[in-house]
Amino acid sequence: MLFEPDRCPLTWTEPTGVLMTPPLRELVIHLGETSHARPLAEALLFQLLEPAPSNTFPVPLPTDPRIRMIAETLIANQADGRELPAWASHAHTSVRTITRLVSEETGLTFAQWRTRVRIRAALTMLANGRPVGATARALGYRKPAAFSAAFHRVTGQHPSIYLDAG
C-alpha cells in the first residue's frame, strides 16, 4: 500500500514494526478495497499506528575460529542443546578456554549468548504467527514456561505480546 509522502506525518527514521490492532487491520483492508474517503482513512490510520515493542538484541560474533564455529552452528540451529563440555570436545579445546573466549569476545557468558541467539530467532517466529509453545520447542526449550521466562528476562515482555498484536 502506498501513501502520498506529503500526507504522511510520520517521522520515523528507520523501518519500524507496528502493532496490527483490529481497527488498524480494518483500515488497511478498507484502503486496499476502495478509494472512498481515502484522505480521512489515511489520517486515521496514521493516528493509530503504534510502534511494536522493540528490543535490540545485539548478538556479537566471536572471531576466534574455535568459538566462531560454535557460534555459527548455534545460529544455524538454535535448538542445539549441547552444553559446554560437549562444545569443548567438538572444538578440540577446554571448557575454560571456551568460557574465557566467549566472555572476552562477546561480553556475555556462553549461556547468555545462546539465550540471545534464541530470543532473536523467537522474535521472527512469533511475528510470523507461530504459537509460543511451538516457538519454544523449535528453539530447544523443553517447556514453554522456561522459554517465556527467558524471553521475559531478556526483553522485559511476555512472548505472547507479539501474537496479541496480530
N, C-alpha and C. Protein backbone atom coordinates (compact mmCIF):
# COMPACT_ATOMS: atom_id res chain seq x y z
N MET A 1 0.85 -1.17 0.00
CA MET A 1 0.00 0.00 0.00
C MET A 1 0.90 1.23 0.00
N LEU A 2 0.62 2.15 -0.87
CA LEU A 2 1.42 3.35 -0.99
C LEU A 2 0.65 4.56 -0.49
N PHE A 3 1.38 5.52 0.06
CA PHE A 3 0.79 6.75 0.55
C PHE A 3 1.55 7.92 -0.04
N GLU A 4 0.84 9.00 -0.25
CA GLU A 4 1.48 10.21 -0.73
C GLU A 4 2.39 10.75 0.38
N PRO A 5 3.66 11.00 0.08
CA PRO A 5 4.59 11.45 1.12
C PRO A 5 4.16 12.72 1.83
N ASP A 6 3.52 13.64 1.12
CA ASP A 6 3.12 14.90 1.74
C ASP A 6 1.95 14.73 2.72
N ARG A 7 1.28 13.57 2.69
CA ARG A 7 0.16 13.33 3.62
C ARG A 7 0.58 12.40 4.77
N CYS A 8 1.86 12.04 4.81
CA CYS A 8 2.34 11.13 5.85
C CYS A 8 3.03 11.93 6.95
N PRO A 9 2.45 11.96 8.13
CA PRO A 9 3.03 12.75 9.22
C PRO A 9 4.13 12.02 10.00
N LEU A 10 4.41 10.78 9.66
CA LEU A 10 5.39 10.01 10.42
C LEU A 10 6.80 10.51 10.15
N THR A 11 7.59 10.53 11.19
CA THR A 11 8.97 10.99 11.06
C THR A 11 9.94 9.88 11.45
N TRP A 12 9.49 8.64 11.40
CA TRP A 12 10.36 7.52 11.76
C TRP A 12 11.53 7.49 10.81
N THR A 13 12.71 7.26 11.34
CA THR A 13 13.92 7.32 10.52
C THR A 13 14.42 5.95 10.07
N GLU A 14 13.76 4.89 10.51
CA GLU A 14 14.16 3.55 10.11
C GLU A 14 12.94 2.66 10.04
N PRO A 15 13.04 1.53 9.36
CA PRO A 15 11.87 0.63 9.30
C PRO A 15 11.41 0.28 10.71
N THR A 16 10.12 0.34 10.92
CA THR A 16 9.55 0.13 12.25
C THR A 16 8.34 -0.77 12.16
N GLY A 17 8.35 -1.83 12.94
CA GLY A 17 7.18 -2.70 13.02
C GLY A 17 6.07 -1.98 13.77
N VAL A 18 4.83 -2.29 13.42
CA VAL A 18 3.69 -1.68 14.09
C VAL A 18 2.77 -2.76 14.65
N LEU A 19 2.06 -2.39 15.70
CA LEU A 19 1.07 -3.29 16.28
C LEU A 19 -0.16 -3.30 15.37
N MET A 20 -0.53 -4.46 14.89
CA MET A 20 -1.68 -4.58 14.00
C MET A 20 -2.92 -4.84 14.86
N THR A 21 -3.55 -3.77 15.30
CA THR A 21 -4.75 -3.87 16.11
C THR A 21 -5.95 -4.12 15.19
N PRO A 22 -7.06 -4.61 15.73
CA PRO A 22 -8.25 -4.81 14.88
C PRO A 22 -8.69 -3.55 14.12
N PRO A 23 -8.76 -2.36 14.76
CA PRO A 23 -9.16 -1.18 13.97
C PRO A 23 -8.17 -0.86 12.84
N LEU A 24 -6.89 -1.02 13.13
CA LEU A 24 -5.88 -0.75 12.12
C LEU A 24 -6.01 -1.75 10.97
N ARG A 25 -6.25 -3.00 11.28
CA ARG A 25 -6.43 -4.02 10.25
C ARG A 25 -7.61 -3.66 9.35
N GLU A 26 -8.72 -3.23 9.94
CA GLU A 26 -9.89 -2.86 9.14
C GLU A 26 -9.61 -1.66 8.25
N LEU A 27 -8.85 -0.70 8.75
CA LEU A 27 -8.49 0.45 7.92
C LEU A 27 -7.62 0.04 6.73
N VAL A 28 -6.68 -0.86 6.98
CA VAL A 28 -5.83 -1.34 5.89
C VAL A 28 -6.67 -2.05 4.84
N ILE A 29 -7.60 -2.87 5.29
CA ILE A 29 -8.50 -3.56 4.35
C ILE A 29 -9.32 -2.54 3.57
N HIS A 30 -9.89 -1.57 4.27
CA HIS A 30 -10.69 -0.54 3.62
C HIS A 30 -9.87 0.21 2.57
N LEU A 31 -8.65 0.60 2.93
CA LEU A 31 -7.81 1.35 1.99
C LEU A 31 -7.39 0.50 0.80
N GLY A 32 -7.32 -0.80 0.98
CA GLY A 32 -6.96 -1.68 -0.12
C GLY A 32 -8.12 -1.96 -1.06
N GLU A 33 -9.35 -1.78 -0.57
CA GLU A 33 -10.52 -2.13 -1.37
C GLU A 33 -11.18 -0.95 -2.06
N THR A 34 -11.00 0.25 -1.50
CA THR A 34 -11.75 1.38 -2.05
C THR A 34 -10.94 2.67 -1.92
N SER A 35 -11.29 3.65 -2.70
CA SER A 35 -10.66 4.95 -2.55
C SER A 35 -11.62 5.93 -1.87
N HIS A 36 -12.78 5.41 -1.44
CA HIS A 36 -13.79 6.25 -0.78
C HIS A 36 -13.23 6.80 0.53
N ALA A 37 -13.29 8.09 0.69
CA ALA A 37 -12.85 8.78 1.90
C ALA A 37 -11.39 8.46 2.23
N ARG A 38 -10.58 8.26 1.22
CA ARG A 38 -9.18 7.86 1.44
C ARG A 38 -8.40 8.85 2.32
N PRO A 39 -8.46 10.15 2.08
CA PRO A 39 -7.68 11.05 2.94
C PRO A 39 -8.04 10.93 4.42
N LEU A 40 -9.34 10.77 4.71
CA LEU A 40 -9.76 10.62 6.11
C LEU A 40 -9.29 9.29 6.69
N ALA A 41 -9.41 8.22 5.90
CA ALA A 41 -8.98 6.91 6.37
C ALA A 41 -7.47 6.88 6.59
N GLU A 42 -6.72 7.50 5.69
CA GLU A 42 -5.27 7.57 5.85
C GLU A 42 -4.90 8.34 7.11
N ALA A 43 -5.56 9.46 7.32
CA ALA A 43 -5.26 10.27 8.51
C ALA A 43 -5.52 9.47 9.79
N LEU A 44 -6.62 8.72 9.81
CA LEU A 44 -6.92 7.90 10.97
C LEU A 44 -5.89 6.78 11.12
N LEU A 45 -5.53 6.18 10.00
CA LEU A 45 -4.53 5.12 10.03
C LEU A 45 -3.23 5.63 10.65
N PHE A 46 -2.77 6.78 10.23
CA PHE A 46 -1.53 7.32 10.78
C PHE A 46 -1.66 7.62 12.27
N GLN A 47 -2.84 8.02 12.70
CA GLN A 47 -3.05 8.27 14.13
C GLN A 47 -3.00 6.98 14.94
N LEU A 48 -3.44 5.88 14.33
CA LEU A 48 -3.49 4.60 15.04
C LEU A 48 -2.19 3.81 15.01
N LEU A 49 -1.26 4.21 14.15
CA LEU A 49 0.00 3.47 14.08
C LEU A 49 0.77 3.60 15.39
N GLU A 50 1.13 2.47 15.91
CA GLU A 50 1.88 2.43 17.17
C GLU A 50 3.05 1.47 16.97
N PRO A 51 4.27 1.93 17.21
CA PRO A 51 5.40 1.02 17.03
C PRO A 51 5.26 -0.23 17.90
N ALA A 52 5.61 -1.35 17.32
CA ALA A 52 5.57 -2.60 18.08
C ALA A 52 6.66 -2.56 19.14
N PRO A 53 6.44 -3.28 20.24
CA PRO A 53 7.51 -3.36 21.23
C PRO A 53 8.78 -3.85 20.53
N SER A 54 9.83 -3.16 20.76
CA SER A 54 11.06 -3.49 20.06
C SER A 54 12.21 -3.57 21.03
N ASN A 55 13.00 -4.54 20.83
CA ASN A 55 14.22 -4.68 21.60
C ASN A 55 15.32 -5.05 20.63
N THR A 56 16.45 -4.48 20.88
CA THR A 56 17.58 -4.87 20.05
C THR A 56 18.34 -5.92 20.81
N PHE A 57 18.69 -6.92 20.10
CA PHE A 57 19.43 -7.99 20.73
C PHE A 57 20.75 -8.15 20.02
N PRO A 58 21.68 -7.29 20.39
CA PRO A 58 22.97 -7.46 19.76
C PRO A 58 23.52 -8.84 20.13
N VAL A 59 23.89 -9.56 19.14
CA VAL A 59 24.49 -10.88 19.37
C VAL A 59 25.86 -10.82 18.70
N PRO A 60 26.84 -10.36 19.47
CA PRO A 60 28.18 -10.22 18.89
C PRO A 60 28.75 -11.58 18.48
N LEU A 61 29.39 -11.60 17.34
CA LEU A 61 30.00 -12.84 16.86
C LEU A 61 31.48 -12.86 17.25
N PRO A 62 31.89 -13.95 17.86
CA PRO A 62 33.31 -14.06 18.22
C PRO A 62 34.17 -14.24 16.97
N THR A 63 35.44 -13.89 17.09
CA THR A 63 36.35 -14.01 15.95
C THR A 63 37.26 -15.22 16.05
N ASP A 64 37.53 -15.70 17.26
CA ASP A 64 38.37 -16.88 17.40
C ASP A 64 37.73 -18.03 16.63
N PRO A 65 38.48 -18.70 15.77
CA PRO A 65 37.88 -19.74 14.91
C PRO A 65 37.15 -20.85 15.67
N ARG A 66 37.66 -21.23 16.83
CA ARG A 66 37.01 -22.31 17.60
C ARG A 66 35.65 -21.86 18.11
N ILE A 67 35.59 -20.65 18.61
CA ILE A 67 34.34 -20.13 19.16
C ILE A 67 33.41 -19.71 18.03
N ARG A 68 33.96 -19.19 16.96
CA ARG A 68 33.15 -18.77 15.81
C ARG A 68 32.40 -19.97 15.22
N MET A 69 33.06 -21.12 15.16
CA MET A 69 32.43 -22.34 14.65
C MET A 69 31.23 -22.72 15.54
N ILE A 70 31.41 -22.62 16.83
CA ILE A 70 30.30 -22.92 17.76
C ILE A 70 29.17 -21.91 17.54
N ALA A 71 29.52 -20.64 17.44
CA ALA A 71 28.52 -19.58 17.26
C ALA A 71 27.72 -19.80 15.98
N GLU A 72 28.40 -20.08 14.89
CA GLU A 72 27.71 -20.28 13.61
C GLU A 72 26.80 -21.51 13.65
N THR A 73 27.25 -22.55 14.35
CA THR A 73 26.42 -23.75 14.49
C THR A 73 25.15 -23.43 15.27
N LEU A 74 25.28 -22.67 16.37
CA LEU A 74 24.11 -22.33 17.18
C LEU A 74 23.17 -21.36 16.48
N ILE A 75 23.71 -20.47 15.69
CA ILE A 75 22.85 -19.54 14.94
C ILE A 75 22.06 -20.32 13.89
N ALA A 76 22.68 -21.31 13.29
CA ALA A 76 22.00 -22.12 12.28
C ALA A 76 21.01 -23.09 12.89
N ASN A 77 21.25 -23.51 14.12
CA ASN A 77 20.37 -24.48 14.79
C ASN A 77 20.24 -24.09 16.26
N GLN A 78 19.32 -23.17 16.54
CA GLN A 78 19.15 -22.65 17.89
C GLN A 78 18.74 -23.72 18.89
N ALA A 79 18.18 -24.82 18.42
CA ALA A 79 17.72 -25.88 19.32
C ALA A 79 18.85 -26.80 19.77
N ASP A 80 20.05 -26.61 19.23
CA ASP A 80 21.18 -27.46 19.62
C ASP A 80 21.42 -27.26 21.12
N GLY A 81 21.19 -28.31 21.88
CA GLY A 81 21.26 -28.20 23.34
C GLY A 81 22.56 -28.62 23.96
N ARG A 82 23.60 -28.81 23.15
CA ARG A 82 24.88 -29.23 23.72
C ARG A 82 25.36 -28.24 24.78
N GLU A 83 25.88 -28.78 25.84
CA GLU A 83 26.44 -27.96 26.91
C GLU A 83 27.93 -27.74 26.66
N LEU A 84 28.55 -26.92 27.50
CA LEU A 84 29.95 -26.54 27.30
C LEU A 84 30.91 -27.72 27.16
N PRO A 85 30.83 -28.78 27.97
CA PRO A 85 31.78 -29.88 27.78
C PRO A 85 31.68 -30.50 26.38
N ALA A 86 30.48 -30.65 25.86
CA ALA A 86 30.32 -31.21 24.52
C ALA A 86 30.87 -30.26 23.46
N TRP A 87 30.64 -28.96 23.64
CA TRP A 87 31.18 -27.98 22.69
C TRP A 87 32.70 -27.97 22.76
N ALA A 88 33.26 -28.07 23.96
CA ALA A 88 34.72 -28.09 24.11
C ALA A 88 35.32 -29.28 23.37
N SER A 89 34.70 -30.42 23.51
CA SER A 89 35.16 -31.61 22.81
C SER A 89 35.06 -31.41 21.30
N HIS A 90 33.96 -30.87 20.86
CA HIS A 90 33.72 -30.64 19.43
C HIS A 90 34.75 -29.66 18.85
N ALA A 91 35.11 -28.64 19.63
CA ALA A 91 36.04 -27.61 19.16
C ALA A 91 37.49 -27.95 19.49
N HIS A 92 37.71 -29.10 20.11
CA HIS A 92 39.07 -29.55 20.47
C HIS A 92 39.77 -28.53 21.37
N THR A 93 39.04 -28.10 22.38
CA THR A 93 39.59 -27.16 23.34
C THR A 93 38.98 -27.47 24.71
N SER A 94 39.22 -26.62 25.68
CA SER A 94 38.70 -26.87 27.03
C SER A 94 37.49 -25.99 27.32
N VAL A 95 36.72 -26.41 28.31
CA VAL A 95 35.58 -25.61 28.77
C VAL A 95 36.07 -24.25 29.23
N ARG A 96 37.18 -24.25 29.92
CA ARG A 96 37.74 -22.99 30.44
C ARG A 96 38.08 -22.04 29.28
N THR A 97 38.65 -22.56 28.21
CA THR A 97 39.00 -21.72 27.06
C THR A 97 37.75 -21.16 26.40
N ILE A 98 36.76 -21.99 26.21
CA ILE A 98 35.50 -21.51 25.61
C ILE A 98 34.89 -20.43 26.49
N THR A 99 34.83 -20.70 27.78
CA THR A 99 34.23 -19.74 28.71
C THR A 99 34.96 -18.40 28.65
N ARG A 100 36.29 -18.45 28.68
CA ARG A 100 37.09 -17.23 28.65
C ARG A 100 36.92 -16.48 27.33
N LEU A 101 37.02 -17.20 26.21
CA LEU A 101 36.93 -16.54 24.90
C LEU A 101 35.55 -15.96 24.63
N VAL A 102 34.51 -16.69 24.97
CA VAL A 102 33.15 -16.16 24.76
C VAL A 102 32.97 -14.88 25.56
N SER A 103 33.41 -14.90 26.80
CA SER A 103 33.28 -13.71 27.64
C SER A 103 34.10 -12.54 27.09
N GLU A 104 35.35 -12.80 26.72
CA GLU A 104 36.21 -11.74 26.19
C GLU A 104 35.69 -11.16 24.88
N GLU A 105 35.19 -12.03 24.01
CA GLU A 105 34.83 -11.58 22.66
C GLU A 105 33.39 -11.09 22.53
N THR A 106 32.51 -11.48 23.45
CA THR A 106 31.12 -11.06 23.33
C THR A 106 30.63 -10.22 24.50
N GLY A 107 31.35 -10.29 25.62
CA GLY A 107 30.90 -9.59 26.82
C GLY A 107 29.78 -10.32 27.54
N LEU A 108 29.51 -11.54 27.12
CA LEU A 108 28.43 -12.35 27.69
C LEU A 108 28.97 -13.71 28.11
N THR A 109 28.25 -14.36 29.02
CA THR A 109 28.57 -15.75 29.30
C THR A 109 28.06 -16.58 28.12
N PHE A 110 28.50 -17.82 28.03
CA PHE A 110 28.03 -18.70 26.97
C PHE A 110 26.51 -18.84 27.03
N ALA A 111 25.97 -19.05 28.23
CA ALA A 111 24.51 -19.21 28.38
C ALA A 111 23.77 -17.94 27.96
N GLN A 112 24.27 -16.78 28.35
CA GLN A 112 23.63 -15.52 27.95
C GLN A 112 23.68 -15.34 26.44
N TRP A 113 24.81 -15.68 25.83
CA TRP A 113 24.96 -15.53 24.40
C TRP A 113 23.97 -16.44 23.68
N ARG A 114 23.89 -17.71 24.09
CA ARG A 114 22.97 -18.65 23.45
C ARG A 114 21.53 -18.19 23.63
N THR A 115 21.18 -17.68 24.79
CA THR A 115 19.82 -17.19 25.02
C THR A 115 19.49 -16.04 24.07
N ARG A 116 20.42 -15.13 23.87
CA ARG A 116 20.18 -14.01 22.94
C ARG A 116 19.97 -14.51 21.51
N VAL A 117 20.74 -15.50 21.11
CA VAL A 117 20.55 -16.08 19.78
C VAL A 117 19.14 -16.64 19.66
N ARG A 118 18.71 -17.35 20.69
CA ARG A 118 17.38 -17.96 20.66
C ARG A 118 16.27 -16.91 20.68
N ILE A 119 16.42 -15.88 21.49
CA ILE A 119 15.38 -14.84 21.58
C ILE A 119 15.29 -14.08 20.26
N ARG A 120 16.43 -13.79 19.66
CA ARG A 120 16.40 -13.11 18.36
C ARG A 120 15.64 -13.95 17.33
N ALA A 121 15.88 -15.24 17.32
CA ALA A 121 15.14 -16.13 16.40
C ALA A 121 13.66 -16.18 16.77
N ALA A 122 13.36 -16.15 18.06
CA ALA A 122 11.97 -16.22 18.52
C ALA A 122 11.17 -15.02 18.02
N LEU A 123 11.77 -13.86 17.99
CA LEU A 123 11.04 -12.67 17.54
C LEU A 123 10.49 -12.86 16.13
N THR A 124 11.29 -13.43 15.26
CA THR A 124 10.85 -13.67 13.89
C THR A 124 9.73 -14.71 13.87
N MET A 125 9.91 -15.78 14.62
CA MET A 125 8.90 -16.84 14.65
C MET A 125 7.57 -16.32 15.17
N LEU A 126 7.63 -15.57 16.27
CA LEU A 126 6.39 -15.04 16.86
C LEU A 126 5.73 -14.02 15.93
N ALA A 127 6.54 -13.18 15.31
CA ALA A 127 5.99 -12.17 14.39
C ALA A 127 5.31 -12.84 13.20
N ASN A 128 5.75 -14.05 12.85
CA ASN A 128 5.13 -14.79 11.76
C ASN A 128 3.93 -15.61 12.22
N GLY A 129 3.53 -15.43 13.48
CA GLY A 129 2.33 -16.09 13.98
C GLY A 129 2.53 -17.46 14.58
N ARG A 130 3.74 -17.89 14.76
CA ARG A 130 4.00 -19.20 15.36
C ARG A 130 3.64 -19.13 16.84
N PRO A 131 2.87 -20.08 17.35
CA PRO A 131 2.49 -20.07 18.76
C PRO A 131 3.69 -20.14 19.70
N VAL A 132 3.52 -19.64 20.90
CA VAL A 132 4.61 -19.60 21.88
C VAL A 132 5.15 -21.00 22.14
N GLY A 133 4.29 -21.98 22.34
CA GLY A 133 4.75 -23.34 22.62
C GLY A 133 5.56 -23.92 21.47
N ALA A 134 5.11 -23.71 20.25
CA ALA A 134 5.83 -24.22 19.08
C ALA A 134 7.17 -23.50 18.93
N THR A 135 7.18 -22.22 19.21
CA THR A 135 8.42 -21.45 19.15
C THR A 135 9.40 -21.98 20.18
N ALA A 136 8.91 -22.20 21.39
CA ALA A 136 9.77 -22.72 22.46
C ALA A 136 10.41 -24.04 22.05
N ARG A 137 9.60 -24.96 21.53
CA ARG A 137 10.13 -26.27 21.12
C ARG A 137 11.13 -26.14 19.98
N ALA A 138 10.84 -25.26 19.02
CA ALA A 138 11.74 -25.07 17.88
C ALA A 138 13.10 -24.52 18.31
N LEU A 139 13.12 -23.85 19.44
CA LEU A 139 14.36 -23.25 19.93
C LEU A 139 15.08 -24.11 20.96
N GLY A 140 14.53 -25.29 21.23
CA GLY A 140 15.21 -26.21 22.13
C GLY A 140 14.77 -26.17 23.58
N TYR A 141 13.72 -25.42 23.87
CA TYR A 141 13.20 -25.39 25.24
C TYR A 141 12.24 -26.56 25.42
N ARG A 142 12.40 -27.27 26.51
CA ARG A 142 11.51 -28.42 26.77
C ARG A 142 10.14 -27.97 27.24
N LYS A 143 10.11 -26.83 27.92
CA LYS A 143 8.84 -26.33 28.45
C LYS A 143 8.62 -24.89 28.01
N PRO A 144 7.41 -24.59 27.53
CA PRO A 144 7.12 -23.20 27.13
C PRO A 144 7.34 -22.20 28.27
N ALA A 145 7.11 -22.63 29.50
CA ALA A 145 7.30 -21.72 30.64
C ALA A 145 8.77 -21.30 30.77
N ALA A 146 9.68 -22.22 30.50
CA ALA A 146 11.11 -21.88 30.57
C ALA A 146 11.47 -20.89 29.47
N PHE A 147 10.91 -21.10 28.28
CA PHE A 147 11.13 -20.16 27.18
C PHE A 147 10.55 -18.79 27.54
N SER A 148 9.32 -18.77 28.04
CA SER A 148 8.69 -17.49 28.40
C SER A 148 9.49 -16.75 29.45
N ALA A 149 10.03 -17.48 30.42
CA ALA A 149 10.84 -16.85 31.47
C ALA A 149 12.12 -16.25 30.87
N ALA A 150 12.78 -17.00 29.98
CA ALA A 150 13.99 -16.48 29.34
C ALA A 150 13.66 -15.27 28.46
N PHE A 151 12.58 -15.36 27.72
CA PHE A 151 12.15 -14.26 26.85
C PHE A 151 11.89 -13.01 27.69
N HIS A 152 11.18 -13.18 28.80
CA HIS A 152 10.88 -12.05 29.68
C HIS A 152 12.15 -11.48 30.30
N ARG A 153 13.07 -12.34 30.69
CA ARG A 153 14.32 -11.90 31.30
C ARG A 153 15.11 -11.02 30.32
N VAL A 154 15.11 -11.38 29.04
CA VAL A 154 15.89 -10.64 28.05
C VAL A 154 15.14 -9.40 27.55
N THR A 155 13.83 -9.53 27.32
CA THR A 155 13.09 -8.43 26.68
C THR A 155 12.26 -7.59 27.65
N GLY A 156 11.95 -8.14 28.81
CA GLY A 156 11.07 -7.45 29.74
C GLY A 156 9.60 -7.63 29.38
N GLN A 157 9.31 -8.48 28.39
CA GLN A 157 7.94 -8.70 27.94
C GLN A 157 7.66 -10.19 27.80
N HIS A 158 6.39 -10.52 27.82
CA HIS A 158 5.99 -11.91 27.59
C HIS A 158 5.93 -12.14 26.09
N PRO A 159 6.33 -13.32 25.61
CA PRO A 159 6.33 -13.54 24.16
C PRO A 159 4.96 -13.41 23.50
N SER A 160 3.90 -13.64 24.23
CA SER A 160 2.56 -13.57 23.62
C SER A 160 2.20 -12.15 23.17
N ILE A 161 2.91 -11.14 23.66
CA ILE A 161 2.60 -9.77 23.23
C ILE A 161 2.78 -9.63 21.71
N TYR A 162 3.69 -10.41 21.15
CA TYR A 162 3.92 -10.35 19.71
C TYR A 162 2.80 -11.04 18.95
N LEU A 163 2.13 -12.02 19.60
CA LEU A 163 0.99 -12.67 18.97
C LEU A 163 -0.27 -11.84 19.14
N ASP A 164 -0.44 -11.24 20.33
CA ASP A 164 -1.64 -10.45 20.60
C ASP A 164 -1.74 -9.25 19.67
N ALA A 165 -0.59 -8.79 19.19
CA ALA A 165 -0.60 -7.63 18.31
C ALA A 165 -1.15 -7.96 16.93
N GLY A 166 -1.15 -9.24 16.56
CA GLY A 166 -1.57 -9.63 15.21
C GLY A 166 -2.97 -9.92 15.08
